[in-house]
N, C-alpha and C. Protein backbone atom coordinates (compact mmCIF):
# COMPACT_ATOMS: atom_id res chain seq x y z
N MET A 1 8.84 42.35 65.97
CA MET A 1 9.13 41.14 66.21
C MET A 1 8.77 40.29 65.17
N PRO A 2 9.56 39.43 64.57
CA PRO A 2 9.30 38.72 63.35
C PRO A 2 8.24 37.63 63.49
N LYS A 3 7.52 37.39 62.52
CA LYS A 3 6.35 36.46 62.58
C LYS A 3 6.76 35.05 62.51
N PRO A 4 6.04 34.15 63.12
CA PRO A 4 6.72 32.68 63.31
C PRO A 4 6.47 32.07 61.70
N THR A 5 7.46 31.26 61.58
CA THR A 5 7.67 30.66 60.10
C THR A 5 7.32 29.21 60.25
N VAL A 6 6.84 28.54 61.35
CA VAL A 6 6.73 27.22 61.53
C VAL A 6 5.61 26.72 60.52
N ALA A 7 4.45 27.34 60.66
CA ALA A 7 3.34 26.90 59.79
C ALA A 7 3.73 26.68 58.30
N PRO A 8 4.13 27.79 57.64
CA PRO A 8 4.62 27.80 56.18
C PRO A 8 5.65 26.65 56.00
N THR A 9 6.56 26.57 56.97
CA THR A 9 7.60 25.43 56.70
C THR A 9 6.93 23.95 56.85
N LEU A 10 5.86 23.83 57.86
CA LEU A 10 5.19 22.57 57.78
C LEU A 10 4.40 22.25 56.49
N PHE A 11 3.82 23.38 56.09
CA PHE A 11 2.97 23.20 54.78
C PHE A 11 3.90 22.94 53.55
N ALA A 12 5.04 23.55 53.64
CA ALA A 12 6.04 23.20 52.43
C ALA A 12 6.37 21.59 52.49
N LEU A 13 6.64 21.26 53.73
CA LEU A 13 7.11 19.89 54.09
C LEU A 13 6.18 18.83 53.64
N SER A 14 4.91 19.35 54.01
CA SER A 14 3.72 18.44 53.56
C SER A 14 3.46 18.25 52.11
N ILE A 15 3.71 19.38 51.46
CA ILE A 15 3.69 19.29 50.01
C ILE A 15 4.65 18.48 49.32
N TRP A 16 5.94 18.73 49.87
CA TRP A 16 7.14 17.81 49.41
C TRP A 16 6.93 16.39 49.74
N CYS A 17 6.41 16.13 50.68
CA CYS A 17 5.99 14.73 51.10
C CYS A 17 4.92 14.00 50.28
N LEU A 18 4.09 14.77 49.99
CA LEU A 18 3.03 14.37 49.11
C LEU A 18 3.44 13.96 47.70
N ALA A 19 4.24 15.05 47.28
CA ALA A 19 4.84 14.90 45.76
C ALA A 19 5.88 13.72 45.83
N GLY A 20 6.44 13.39 46.89
CA GLY A 20 7.44 12.17 46.95
C GLY A 20 6.49 10.89 46.90
N ALA A 21 5.41 10.98 47.66
CA ALA A 21 4.63 9.85 47.73
C ALA A 21 3.97 9.49 46.25
N ALA A 22 3.47 10.56 45.63
CA ALA A 22 3.05 10.57 44.36
C ALA A 22 3.85 9.88 43.39
N GLN A 23 5.27 10.28 43.34
CA GLN A 23 6.19 9.95 42.60
C GLN A 23 6.50 8.43 42.85
N ALA A 24 6.60 8.09 44.16
CA ALA A 24 6.80 6.69 44.19
C ALA A 24 5.58 5.84 43.98
N GLY A 25 4.47 6.38 44.00
CA GLY A 25 3.10 5.62 43.55
C GLY A 25 3.36 5.33 41.89
N VAL A 26 3.95 6.42 41.12
CA VAL A 26 3.97 6.26 39.81
C VAL A 26 5.02 5.27 39.45
N ARG A 27 6.22 5.30 40.29
CA ARG A 27 7.20 4.21 39.94
C ARG A 27 6.74 2.80 40.16
N ALA A 28 5.91 2.75 41.24
CA ALA A 28 5.48 1.45 41.46
C ALA A 28 4.61 0.87 40.52
N ASP A 29 3.81 1.73 39.85
CA ASP A 29 2.82 1.40 38.84
C ASP A 29 3.63 1.05 37.49
N LEU A 30 4.67 1.51 37.24
CA LEU A 30 5.48 1.60 36.08
C LEU A 30 6.46 0.44 36.15
N ALA A 31 6.86 -0.14 37.18
CA ALA A 31 7.90 -0.98 37.57
C ALA A 31 7.24 -2.52 37.13
N GLY A 32 7.97 -3.23 36.29
CA GLY A 32 7.72 -4.52 35.78
C GLY A 32 7.95 -4.56 34.33
N ASP A 33 7.44 -5.69 33.83
CA ASP A 33 7.60 -6.03 32.45
C ASP A 33 6.39 -5.49 31.60
N TRP A 34 6.67 -4.95 30.43
CA TRP A 34 5.71 -4.19 29.51
C TRP A 34 5.90 -4.75 28.09
N CYS A 35 4.98 -4.96 27.28
CA CYS A 35 4.91 -5.10 25.81
C CYS A 35 4.58 -3.87 25.19
N PHE A 36 5.40 -3.23 24.59
CA PHE A 36 5.03 -2.11 23.61
C PHE A 36 4.63 -2.58 22.21
N TYR A 37 3.16 -2.78 22.15
CA TYR A 37 2.63 -3.52 21.09
C TYR A 37 2.16 -2.61 19.81
N GLN A 38 2.09 -1.25 20.03
CA GLN A 38 1.45 -0.58 19.04
C GLN A 38 1.81 0.92 19.22
N GLN A 39 1.90 1.64 18.17
CA GLN A 39 1.94 3.33 18.22
C GLN A 39 0.96 3.66 17.21
N SER A 40 0.41 4.79 17.43
CA SER A 40 -0.51 5.37 16.60
C SER A 40 -0.45 6.79 16.52
N SER A 41 -0.91 7.49 15.29
CA SER A 41 -0.89 9.00 15.04
C SER A 41 -1.92 9.21 14.13
N GLY A 42 -3.09 9.84 14.59
CA GLY A 42 -4.15 10.00 13.78
C GLY A 42 -4.75 8.54 13.31
N ALA A 43 -4.88 8.49 12.01
CA ALA A 43 -5.40 7.21 11.46
C ALA A 43 -4.45 6.07 11.19
N THR A 44 -3.02 6.53 11.48
CA THR A 44 -2.09 5.60 11.20
C THR A 44 -1.63 4.65 12.39
N VAL A 45 -1.82 3.47 12.28
CA VAL A 45 -1.46 2.59 13.33
C VAL A 45 -0.36 1.60 12.90
N ILE A 46 0.68 1.44 13.69
CA ILE A 46 1.88 0.58 13.47
C ILE A 46 2.05 -0.42 14.58
N PRO A 47 1.92 -1.67 14.15
CA PRO A 47 2.33 -2.65 15.15
C PRO A 47 3.69 -2.61 15.66
N GLU A 48 3.98 -2.94 16.88
CA GLU A 48 5.22 -3.19 17.39
C GLU A 48 5.40 -4.40 18.22
N GLN A 49 6.82 -4.77 18.53
CA GLN A 49 7.13 -6.10 19.28
C GLN A 49 8.27 -5.87 20.06
N VAL A 50 8.08 -4.99 21.31
CA VAL A 50 9.17 -4.44 21.95
C VAL A 50 8.97 -4.85 23.32
N ASN A 51 9.83 -5.61 24.04
CA ASN A 51 9.75 -6.04 25.38
C ASN A 51 10.71 -5.05 26.31
N ILE A 52 9.97 -4.43 27.19
CA ILE A 52 10.61 -3.43 27.92
C ILE A 52 10.53 -3.87 29.57
N SER A 53 11.48 -3.93 30.31
CA SER A 53 11.58 -4.34 31.72
C SER A 53 12.09 -3.06 32.44
N LEU A 54 11.13 -2.49 33.30
CA LEU A 54 11.59 -1.44 34.19
C LEU A 54 11.84 -2.12 35.62
N HIS A 55 13.04 -2.15 35.87
CA HIS A 55 13.44 -2.85 37.20
C HIS A 55 13.15 -1.85 38.40
N PRO A 56 12.87 -2.42 39.56
CA PRO A 56 12.61 -1.51 40.71
C PRO A 56 13.90 -0.86 41.06
N ASP A 57 15.12 -1.44 40.71
CA ASP A 57 16.33 -0.69 41.24
C ASP A 57 16.62 0.48 40.18
N GLY A 58 15.71 0.80 39.27
CA GLY A 58 15.99 1.93 38.42
C GLY A 58 16.62 1.67 37.02
N ARG A 59 16.94 0.35 36.95
CA ARG A 59 17.54 -0.25 35.61
C ARG A 59 16.32 -0.48 34.64
N TYR A 60 16.66 -0.62 33.30
CA TYR A 60 15.78 -1.04 32.35
C TYR A 60 16.41 -1.85 31.26
N ASP A 61 15.59 -2.64 30.67
CA ASP A 61 16.01 -3.31 29.50
C ASP A 61 15.12 -3.15 28.46
N TRP A 62 15.52 -3.05 27.26
CA TRP A 62 14.75 -2.77 25.98
C TRP A 62 15.17 -3.83 24.99
N ARG A 63 14.08 -4.78 24.51
CA ARG A 63 14.43 -5.87 23.73
C ARG A 63 13.43 -5.82 22.48
N GLU A 64 14.18 -5.65 21.15
CA GLU A 64 13.28 -5.54 20.07
C GLU A 64 14.05 -6.33 18.96
N GLY A 65 13.52 -7.67 18.83
CA GLY A 65 14.10 -8.75 18.16
C GLY A 65 15.62 -8.88 18.56
N ALA A 66 16.50 -8.78 17.77
CA ALA A 66 17.86 -9.05 18.02
C ALA A 66 18.62 -7.91 18.88
N PHE A 67 17.91 -6.65 18.84
CA PHE A 67 18.46 -5.46 19.52
C PHE A 67 18.05 -5.44 20.98
N HIS A 68 19.27 -5.09 21.59
CA HIS A 68 18.92 -5.02 23.22
C HIS A 68 19.77 -3.87 23.71
N GLN A 69 19.05 -3.09 24.62
CA GLN A 69 19.72 -1.96 25.25
C GLN A 69 19.19 -1.90 26.63
N ASP A 70 20.28 -1.60 27.52
CA ASP A 70 19.97 -1.41 28.88
C ASP A 70 20.34 -0.02 29.38
N GLY A 71 19.73 0.58 30.53
CA GLY A 71 20.09 1.91 31.03
C GLY A 71 19.42 2.13 32.29
N SER A 72 19.17 3.25 32.57
CA SER A 72 18.55 3.69 33.76
C SER A 72 17.27 4.42 33.58
N TRP A 73 16.17 4.25 34.39
CA TRP A 73 14.96 4.91 34.17
C TRP A 73 14.63 5.74 35.45
N SER A 74 13.84 6.69 35.28
CA SER A 74 13.13 7.56 36.40
C SER A 74 11.77 8.03 35.85
N ALA A 75 11.00 8.28 36.91
CA ALA A 75 9.63 8.84 36.49
C ALA A 75 9.13 9.89 37.59
N ASP A 76 8.26 10.62 37.11
CA ASP A 76 7.43 11.60 37.94
C ASP A 76 5.90 11.42 37.67
N ASP A 77 5.12 12.04 37.96
CA ASP A 77 3.67 11.76 37.78
C ASP A 77 3.24 12.19 36.22
N LYS A 78 4.23 12.76 35.50
CA LYS A 78 3.93 13.19 34.12
C LYS A 78 5.09 12.66 33.12
N THR A 79 6.10 12.15 33.55
CA THR A 79 7.08 11.81 32.55
C THR A 79 7.79 10.43 32.98
N LEU A 80 8.10 9.55 32.00
CA LEU A 80 8.93 8.43 32.16
C LEU A 80 10.33 8.73 31.29
N THR A 81 11.21 8.60 31.97
CA THR A 81 12.59 8.95 31.28
C THR A 81 13.55 7.80 31.30
N MET A 82 13.85 7.38 30.08
CA MET A 82 14.93 6.17 29.88
C MET A 82 16.16 6.89 29.37
N SER A 83 17.29 6.43 30.00
CA SER A 83 18.56 7.20 29.75
C SER A 83 18.83 7.19 28.25
N ASP A 84 18.78 6.04 27.55
CA ASP A 84 19.14 5.97 26.21
C ASP A 84 17.96 6.10 25.16
N VAL A 85 16.94 6.35 25.70
CA VAL A 85 15.71 6.41 24.80
C VAL A 85 15.00 7.83 24.87
N GLY A 86 15.19 8.48 26.12
CA GLY A 86 14.60 9.76 26.33
C GLY A 86 13.39 9.92 27.11
N GLN A 87 12.78 11.10 26.92
CA GLN A 87 11.56 11.20 27.78
C GLN A 87 10.27 11.05 27.03
N HIS A 88 9.37 10.33 27.95
CA HIS A 88 7.89 9.97 27.36
C HIS A 88 6.93 10.48 28.28
N GLY A 89 5.89 11.37 27.66
CA GLY A 89 4.91 11.88 28.42
C GLY A 89 4.10 10.63 28.87
N ILE A 90 3.55 10.78 30.08
CA ILE A 90 2.76 9.70 30.54
C ILE A 90 1.27 10.06 30.30
N VAL A 91 0.52 9.46 29.47
CA VAL A 91 -0.89 9.85 29.23
C VAL A 91 -1.75 9.10 29.89
N SER A 92 -1.63 7.86 30.38
CA SER A 92 -2.56 7.13 31.26
C SER A 92 -1.68 5.86 31.54
N ILE A 93 -1.90 5.43 32.83
CA ILE A 93 -1.75 3.91 33.37
C ILE A 93 -2.99 3.43 33.99
N ALA A 94 -3.61 2.38 33.48
CA ALA A 94 -4.83 1.87 33.89
C ALA A 94 -4.82 0.45 33.87
N GLY A 95 -4.71 -0.26 35.10
CA GLY A 95 -4.61 -1.74 35.16
C GLY A 95 -3.48 -2.26 34.38
N GLU A 96 -3.91 -3.02 33.42
CA GLU A 96 -2.78 -3.73 32.53
C GLU A 96 -2.41 -3.02 31.32
N GLU A 97 -2.88 -1.68 31.03
CA GLU A 97 -2.55 -0.94 29.92
C GLU A 97 -1.94 0.31 30.34
N MET A 98 -0.89 0.78 29.52
CA MET A 98 -0.24 2.09 29.65
C MET A 98 -0.02 2.78 28.27
N THR A 99 -0.23 4.04 28.21
CA THR A 99 -0.13 4.85 27.09
C THR A 99 0.85 6.04 27.45
N LEU A 100 1.89 6.07 26.60
CA LEU A 100 2.87 7.13 26.51
C LEU A 100 2.84 7.86 25.32
N ARG A 101 3.43 9.14 25.42
CA ARG A 101 3.39 9.98 24.11
C ARG A 101 4.74 10.47 23.85
N ARG A 102 5.33 10.28 22.66
CA ARG A 102 6.52 10.90 22.23
C ARG A 102 6.36 10.96 20.52
N SER A 103 5.83 12.20 20.32
CA SER A 103 5.44 12.49 18.92
C SER A 103 4.21 11.72 18.48
N SER A 104 4.28 10.34 18.73
CA SER A 104 2.93 9.55 18.50
C SER A 104 2.58 8.94 19.82
N LEU A 105 1.43 8.32 19.85
CA LEU A 105 0.87 7.60 21.13
C LEU A 105 1.54 6.08 21.09
N MET A 106 2.01 5.66 22.27
CA MET A 106 2.71 4.28 22.47
C MET A 106 1.85 3.64 23.40
N HIS A 107 1.50 2.40 22.88
CA HIS A 107 0.43 1.50 23.58
C HIS A 107 1.23 0.39 24.21
N PHE A 108 1.06 0.15 25.42
CA PHE A 108 1.69 -0.98 26.21
C PHE A 108 0.77 -1.72 27.00
N ARG A 109 0.97 -3.07 27.21
CA ARG A 109 0.22 -3.88 28.12
C ARG A 109 1.34 -4.63 29.01
N LYS A 110 0.74 -4.97 30.14
CA LYS A 110 1.59 -5.58 31.20
C LYS A 110 2.11 -7.00 30.52
N GLY A 111 3.26 -7.33 30.93
CA GLY A 111 3.75 -8.71 30.72
C GLY A 111 4.68 -8.78 29.36
N ALA A 112 5.16 -9.88 28.90
CA ALA A 112 6.06 -9.96 27.76
C ALA A 112 5.05 -10.08 26.62
N CYS A 113 5.75 -9.71 25.33
CA CYS A 113 4.85 -9.82 24.13
C CYS A 113 4.74 -11.22 23.72
N ALA A 114 3.67 -11.50 23.00
CA ALA A 114 3.49 -12.89 22.52
C ALA A 114 4.48 -12.87 21.30
N PRO A 115 4.91 -14.25 21.02
CA PRO A 115 5.66 -14.35 19.74
C PRO A 115 5.15 -13.62 18.62
N GLY A 116 5.95 -13.03 17.79
CA GLY A 116 5.42 -12.36 16.65
C GLY A 116 6.60 -11.46 16.06
N PHE A 117 5.99 -10.56 15.07
CA PHE A 117 7.04 -9.71 14.49
C PHE A 117 6.60 -8.26 14.68
N GLY A 118 7.42 -7.47 14.84
CA GLY A 118 7.36 -5.94 15.18
C GLY A 118 7.89 -5.13 14.09
N ASP A 119 7.92 -4.00 14.15
CA ASP A 119 8.24 -3.04 13.12
C ASP A 119 9.59 -3.05 12.79
N GLN A 120 10.46 -3.41 13.53
CA GLN A 120 12.05 -3.57 13.28
C GLN A 120 12.23 -4.86 12.44
N ASP A 121 11.40 -5.91 12.77
CA ASP A 121 11.42 -7.12 11.86
C ASP A 121 11.08 -6.88 10.53
N LEU A 122 10.00 -6.16 10.47
CA LEU A 122 9.56 -5.66 9.03
C LEU A 122 10.58 -5.05 8.18
N ILE A 123 11.17 -3.93 9.07
CA ILE A 123 12.22 -3.37 8.31
C ILE A 123 13.52 -4.11 7.77
N ARG A 124 13.78 -5.05 8.73
CA ARG A 124 15.01 -6.05 8.30
C ARG A 124 14.50 -6.86 7.27
N PHE A 125 13.21 -7.39 7.21
CA PHE A 125 12.76 -8.21 6.34
C PHE A 125 12.83 -7.59 5.01
N GLN A 126 12.30 -6.28 4.84
CA GLN A 126 12.18 -5.66 3.68
C GLN A 126 13.55 -5.06 3.12
N ASN A 127 14.46 -4.78 3.99
CA ASN A 127 15.79 -4.48 3.67
C ASN A 127 16.56 -5.61 3.01
N ALA A 128 16.25 -6.89 3.32
CA ALA A 128 16.76 -8.06 2.89
C ALA A 128 16.27 -8.33 1.37
N ALA A 129 14.98 -7.91 1.26
CA ALA A 129 14.51 -8.05 -0.12
C ALA A 129 15.08 -7.00 -1.07
N SER A 130 15.33 -5.73 -0.47
CA SER A 130 15.95 -4.75 -1.20
C SER A 130 17.49 -5.01 -1.53
N THR A 131 18.03 -5.61 -0.73
CA THR A 131 19.58 -5.88 -1.00
C THR A 131 20.04 -7.21 -1.50
N GLY A 132 18.76 -8.18 -1.46
CA GLY A 132 19.13 -9.60 -1.88
C GLY A 132 19.71 -10.55 -0.85
N ASP A 133 19.67 -10.02 0.32
CA ASP A 133 20.06 -10.71 1.47
C ASP A 133 19.27 -12.12 1.70
N MET A 134 19.60 -13.14 0.96
CA MET A 134 18.77 -14.30 1.00
C MET A 134 18.81 -14.98 2.36
N ALA A 135 19.81 -15.00 3.13
CA ALA A 135 19.63 -15.59 4.38
C ALA A 135 18.90 -15.09 5.32
N VAL A 136 18.81 -13.76 5.37
CA VAL A 136 17.84 -13.05 6.36
C VAL A 136 16.44 -13.28 5.71
N LEU A 137 16.30 -13.02 4.47
CA LEU A 137 14.98 -13.11 3.74
C LEU A 137 14.36 -14.66 4.18
N ALA A 138 15.18 -15.60 3.90
CA ALA A 138 14.72 -17.07 4.16
C ALA A 138 14.45 -17.23 5.61
N ASP A 139 15.25 -16.74 6.46
CA ASP A 139 14.98 -16.91 7.83
C ASP A 139 13.67 -16.42 8.27
N TYR A 140 13.25 -15.06 7.92
CA TYR A 140 12.03 -14.57 8.16
C TYR A 140 10.89 -15.30 7.54
N LEU A 141 11.00 -15.88 6.16
CA LEU A 141 10.06 -16.57 5.60
C LEU A 141 9.79 -17.84 6.43
N ALA A 142 10.74 -18.45 6.76
CA ALA A 142 10.68 -19.67 7.61
C ALA A 142 10.01 -19.65 8.79
N ARG A 143 10.17 -18.44 9.37
CA ARG A 143 9.54 -18.22 10.77
C ARG A 143 8.24 -17.58 10.49
N GLY A 144 7.61 -17.49 9.46
CA GLY A 144 6.16 -17.27 9.16
C GLY A 144 5.98 -15.70 9.01
N MET A 145 6.89 -14.93 8.62
CA MET A 145 6.55 -13.46 8.31
C MET A 145 5.53 -13.38 7.16
N ALA A 146 4.50 -12.65 7.27
CA ALA A 146 3.63 -12.47 6.21
C ALA A 146 4.34 -11.82 5.03
N VAL A 147 4.11 -12.55 3.97
CA VAL A 147 4.91 -12.12 2.73
C VAL A 147 4.56 -10.80 2.14
N ASP A 148 3.29 -10.60 2.40
CA ASP A 148 2.71 -9.28 1.84
C ASP A 148 2.59 -8.08 2.79
N MET A 149 3.01 -8.19 3.96
CA MET A 149 3.00 -7.07 4.82
C MET A 149 3.60 -5.90 4.34
N VAL A 150 2.89 -4.85 4.51
CA VAL A 150 3.65 -3.56 3.74
C VAL A 150 4.29 -2.63 4.82
N ASP A 151 5.26 -1.87 4.22
CA ASP A 151 5.96 -0.92 5.16
C ASP A 151 4.95 0.19 5.30
N PHE A 152 4.81 0.57 6.54
CA PHE A 152 3.83 1.63 6.87
C PHE A 152 4.37 3.06 6.46
N ARG A 153 5.56 3.17 6.14
CA ARG A 153 6.18 4.28 5.85
C ARG A 153 5.94 4.72 4.20
N SER A 154 6.15 3.68 3.41
CA SER A 154 6.13 3.63 2.18
C SER A 154 4.97 3.01 1.40
N GLY A 155 4.48 2.24 2.09
CA GLY A 155 3.17 1.38 1.56
C GLY A 155 3.71 0.22 0.71
N ASP A 156 5.13 0.01 0.69
CA ASP A 156 5.66 -1.04 -0.07
C ASP A 156 5.55 -2.33 0.45
N SER A 157 5.47 -3.38 -0.46
CA SER A 157 5.40 -4.83 -0.05
C SER A 157 7.07 -5.13 -0.38
N ALA A 158 7.49 -6.28 0.27
CA ALA A 158 8.68 -6.79 -0.04
C ALA A 158 8.96 -6.95 -1.36
N LEU A 159 7.97 -7.53 -2.23
CA LEU A 159 8.09 -7.81 -3.56
C LEU A 159 8.33 -6.53 -4.27
N VAL A 160 7.67 -5.43 -3.95
CA VAL A 160 7.87 -4.17 -4.60
C VAL A 160 9.36 -3.64 -4.18
N LYS A 161 9.81 -3.81 -2.87
CA LYS A 161 11.15 -3.49 -2.61
C LYS A 161 12.20 -4.18 -3.52
N ALA A 162 11.98 -5.65 -3.66
CA ALA A 162 12.79 -6.40 -4.48
C ALA A 162 12.91 -5.89 -5.87
N ALA A 163 11.72 -5.47 -6.51
CA ALA A 163 11.67 -5.11 -7.86
C ALA A 163 12.32 -3.73 -8.00
N LYS A 164 12.36 -2.84 -7.05
CA LYS A 164 12.96 -1.47 -7.12
C LYS A 164 14.32 -1.67 -7.36
N PHE A 165 15.05 -2.73 -6.79
CA PHE A 165 16.41 -2.89 -6.75
C PHE A 165 16.85 -4.11 -7.56
N CYS A 166 16.02 -4.58 -8.41
CA CYS A 166 16.39 -5.67 -9.37
C CYS A 166 16.82 -6.92 -8.76
N GLN A 167 16.31 -7.21 -7.45
CA GLN A 167 16.71 -8.38 -6.74
C GLN A 167 15.86 -9.53 -7.24
N VAL A 168 16.37 -10.23 -8.25
CA VAL A 168 15.75 -11.33 -8.83
C VAL A 168 15.55 -12.53 -7.91
N GLY A 169 16.59 -12.84 -7.28
CA GLY A 169 16.57 -14.11 -6.18
C GLY A 169 15.40 -13.75 -5.21
N ALA A 170 15.60 -12.59 -4.53
CA ALA A 170 14.52 -12.27 -3.51
C ALA A 170 13.16 -12.27 -4.09
N ALA A 171 13.02 -11.67 -5.36
CA ALA A 171 11.61 -11.81 -5.87
C ALA A 171 11.07 -13.31 -6.06
N LYS A 172 11.94 -14.17 -6.67
CA LYS A 172 11.49 -15.48 -6.79
C LYS A 172 11.21 -16.18 -5.49
N ALA A 173 12.05 -15.89 -4.40
CA ALA A 173 11.66 -16.49 -2.97
C ALA A 173 10.40 -16.14 -2.66
N LEU A 174 10.08 -14.77 -2.69
CA LEU A 174 8.72 -14.15 -2.18
C LEU A 174 7.70 -14.78 -3.19
N LEU A 175 7.70 -14.78 -4.35
CA LEU A 175 6.74 -15.21 -5.21
C LEU A 175 6.33 -16.88 -4.96
N ALA A 176 7.47 -17.56 -4.43
CA ALA A 176 7.33 -18.96 -4.19
C ALA A 176 6.47 -18.88 -2.74
N LYS A 177 6.50 -18.02 -2.11
CA LYS A 177 5.66 -17.99 -0.82
C LYS A 177 4.28 -17.32 -1.16
N GLY A 178 4.01 -17.05 -2.25
CA GLY A 178 2.71 -16.51 -2.62
C GLY A 178 2.41 -15.05 -2.66
N ALA A 179 3.72 -14.39 -2.88
CA ALA A 179 3.70 -12.75 -2.89
C ALA A 179 2.73 -12.26 -3.88
N SER A 180 1.92 -11.30 -3.57
CA SER A 180 1.11 -10.78 -4.58
C SER A 180 1.72 -9.83 -5.60
N ARG A 181 1.40 -10.00 -6.82
CA ARG A 181 2.04 -9.24 -7.96
C ARG A 181 1.24 -7.91 -8.11
N THR A 182 0.14 -7.72 -7.59
CA THR A 182 -0.74 -6.68 -7.82
C THR A 182 -0.71 -5.50 -6.76
N LEU A 183 0.01 -5.76 -5.64
CA LEU A 183 0.15 -4.72 -4.38
C LEU A 183 0.81 -3.49 -5.06
N LYS A 184 0.32 -2.18 -4.58
CA LYS A 184 1.02 -1.19 -5.10
C LYS A 184 1.44 -0.33 -3.79
N GLY A 185 2.57 0.33 -3.84
CA GLY A 185 2.85 1.27 -2.76
C GLY A 185 2.27 2.57 -2.83
N ASP A 186 2.85 3.55 -1.97
CA ASP A 186 2.07 4.92 -1.84
C ASP A 186 2.24 5.61 -3.33
N ASP A 187 3.21 5.05 -4.12
CA ASP A 187 3.51 5.95 -5.44
C ASP A 187 2.43 5.19 -6.53
N ASP A 188 1.68 4.19 -6.04
CA ASP A 188 0.74 3.64 -6.95
C ASP A 188 1.28 2.77 -7.99
N LYS A 189 2.38 2.18 -7.78
CA LYS A 189 3.09 1.32 -8.82
C LYS A 189 3.22 -0.16 -8.26
N THR A 190 3.06 -0.93 -9.18
CA THR A 190 3.22 -2.50 -8.81
C THR A 190 4.64 -2.74 -8.79
N ALA A 191 4.96 -4.09 -8.43
CA ALA A 191 6.33 -4.55 -8.57
C ALA A 191 6.72 -4.62 -10.02
N LEU A 192 5.90 -5.02 -10.93
CA LEU A 192 6.17 -5.07 -12.33
C LEU A 192 6.54 -3.60 -12.88
N GLU A 193 5.85 -2.72 -12.58
CA GLU A 193 6.16 -1.34 -13.01
C GLU A 193 7.38 -0.72 -12.48
N HIS A 194 7.77 -1.13 -11.17
CA HIS A 194 9.14 -0.90 -10.66
C HIS A 194 10.19 -1.58 -11.48
N ALA A 195 10.01 -2.90 -11.78
CA ALA A 195 11.10 -3.76 -12.36
C ALA A 195 11.34 -2.99 -13.98
N ARG A 196 10.25 -2.45 -14.46
CA ARG A 196 10.52 -1.84 -15.83
C ARG A 196 11.30 -0.58 -15.74
N ALA A 197 11.44 -0.08 -14.50
CA ALA A 197 12.25 1.21 -14.40
C ALA A 197 13.32 1.13 -13.32
N SER A 198 13.65 -0.07 -12.75
CA SER A 198 14.75 -0.11 -11.64
C SER A 198 16.17 0.11 -12.41
N ARG A 199 17.04 0.04 -11.36
CA ARG A 199 18.49 0.27 -11.86
C ARG A 199 18.61 1.55 -12.63
N PHE A 200 18.25 2.56 -12.04
CA PHE A 200 18.39 3.93 -12.56
C PHE A 200 17.56 3.99 -13.89
N HIS A 201 16.49 3.36 -14.02
CA HIS A 201 15.52 3.58 -15.05
C HIS A 201 16.13 2.83 -16.26
N LYS A 202 16.86 1.92 -16.18
CA LYS A 202 17.34 1.07 -17.31
C LYS A 202 16.55 -0.32 -17.37
N GLY A 203 15.78 -0.56 -16.36
CA GLY A 203 14.90 -1.72 -16.26
C GLY A 203 15.77 -2.88 -15.83
N CYS A 204 15.04 -3.93 -15.55
CA CYS A 204 15.45 -5.21 -15.08
C CYS A 204 14.65 -6.31 -15.82
N PRO A 205 15.14 -6.67 -17.11
CA PRO A 205 14.51 -7.57 -18.04
C PRO A 205 14.08 -8.93 -17.18
N GLU A 206 15.04 -9.43 -16.64
CA GLU A 206 14.66 -10.94 -16.07
C GLU A 206 13.53 -10.78 -15.07
N LEU A 207 13.48 -9.85 -14.32
CA LEU A 207 12.45 -9.55 -13.22
C LEU A 207 11.09 -9.15 -14.09
N VAL A 208 11.07 -8.42 -15.12
CA VAL A 208 10.06 -8.02 -15.83
C VAL A 208 9.42 -9.37 -16.38
N ALA A 209 10.28 -10.15 -16.89
CA ALA A 209 9.73 -11.50 -17.51
C ALA A 209 9.21 -12.38 -16.31
N LEU A 210 9.71 -12.28 -15.23
CA LEU A 210 9.25 -13.07 -14.13
C LEU A 210 7.86 -12.67 -13.66
N LEU A 211 7.70 -11.42 -13.65
CA LEU A 211 6.40 -10.76 -13.02
C LEU A 211 5.44 -10.57 -14.11
N GLY A 212 5.76 -10.46 -15.43
CA GLY A 212 4.94 -10.23 -16.57
C GLY A 212 3.84 -11.22 -16.85
């Protein structure tokens, strides 16, 4: 005579219900507006300025400066998944703070980010210095971008970037805002040293004269 299977079935159903309740609880904790304000890896700390809205209907919005992305999101007790961003491990959700992990630790706080500049803004600002895009450079300077903020990857300031590519107009605009001539990148060279060797090591005499 076969043994009754009611008890195991009820046990499995209970486990399934508990898992579903836990998942619903995590989704409720995650839903809402978040400011991704910082990422860190060891001693390296990088400020961010990303507004993320996780809507209760399973849609999300990711806004980073002029960049906007939307898609779908899902979560269990260990992972937050956004369709166009990928999976992030959930380290902690405590009150107004959340920490996720994806190669580095990503730090969030509830609500929208305060006005300011994030990593993508810094990249655009320094790219403008490198390419001589005066419209973008002037826009960031007018909005109060810190002229000596350094690239966390290379350690370069915008003036060093301009010197590397002999962007005299960009260098003049940065110097007019008080850019430091003495800052060095990770290669331990100042803007003047880069100006002497820019343009495939032929030098940039006008910028050397400006910085010298």
